[in-house]
Amino acid sequence: MERYRLTRYAHGGGCACKIPPGELESMVAGLLGGVVPAGPGELLVGLDDGDDAAVVRLESGTAVVATADFFTPVVDDPYDWGRIAVANALSDVYAMGGTPVVGVNLLAWPREVLPLELAAEVLRGGLDVAREAGTHVAGGHSVDDPEPKYGMAVTGFADPERLIRNDAGRPGLPLTLTKPLGVGVLNSRHKQTGEVFPQAVAAMTELNRAAATAAVAAGIRCGTDITGFGLLGHLHKLARASGLTARVDAAAVPYLEGARAALAAGFVSGGTRRNLAWVRPHLVASGVAEEELLLLADAQTSGGLLLAGELPGHPVIGELLPAAGDGVTLMVRG
């Protein structure tokens, strides 16, 4: 089959193509509150704090976790793109402390531009990762679109008393990160140069299942996953929802090999710059270089979990503190 550079067919790549967080919050503001529907179940987690997935408790006591995630190509290899997209979609369920049960494909494809055989490879990659996760894949939906996009809507379950939420933080809890940062700048370099970074692909296709299982068993009840809004963006949302301020020790944050070189060479996405601009009014980072802040705001795709609690085998990168006032949710020290 002829080799196509899939990233050339998209204006952005992966979670870096998300609508900027400030714009997104303004757009959905009118959907908050209102009349509670008379249907079955109790909504435990909705739009209020921008958590990773919706959670509804059924009368049986089980909590249903629902999410959807899709994006444009983040790598040129169609099979790897499929794997990354589904690992990313499943992560929203893991980030809530849940177990994914079934997923349905979401595919947009320029059928007159790119061969359908490539789309089949994308779907095969997604199916393989879902199988690795023990998750059923049952159909989905596809449309003819000028730009390729792929992802999955995923439904899972959780114990409602053991959910991991972004509004459950407490002062004094350490912050643990389960995957290194840096896939954003590496993906930007890949898109522009065609260079392949196996370490980035390995990080993006790694399931967050083991980390989530360990976190729930350890009694961790606050956390999120790190995707398109970067570490600083997602941590800002967690600290704001919990009414706290978070401190990040920049020197403790791990990065993938090559990430700093990609940053130095200028491979920074527009999404990363928008992330930093969004959190800057809430950020105190005296003496921390702009380049370091850009890495902390780097738009991740299928990143790791950020947990309010210590998880053996993973680095502690900061701590939750009492609210600092003046709208400050983030403090970064070098």
Foldseek 3Di string as FASTA:
>chain_A
DDFDQQLVLDPDAFLLPDDAPVVVCVVCVVVPDDDDDPDFFDWPDDPPLPALWTWTQGPVQKIKTKDWDKDAHLGRQLLLSLLLQALQGQQSQLLFLWQWAEKEKEKEEQPVPDPVVSVVSSPVSNVVLCVVSVYHYDYHDYYHDSGIMIHIIIMTIHRPVQTATLQPADFPFFKWFDFAFQLQLVSLCCSVPVDDDVQSSVQSNDHQNVVSNQCSVVSFRYKHFAAFQAQLQSLLSSLVSNQWAWEFELVQGHHDPPRLVSVVVPSARPSLVSSCVVCVQQEAEPPDDPSSSSRRRRGHRNGTMITRHDGPPTTGGTTIRHHPDPNHRYYYYD
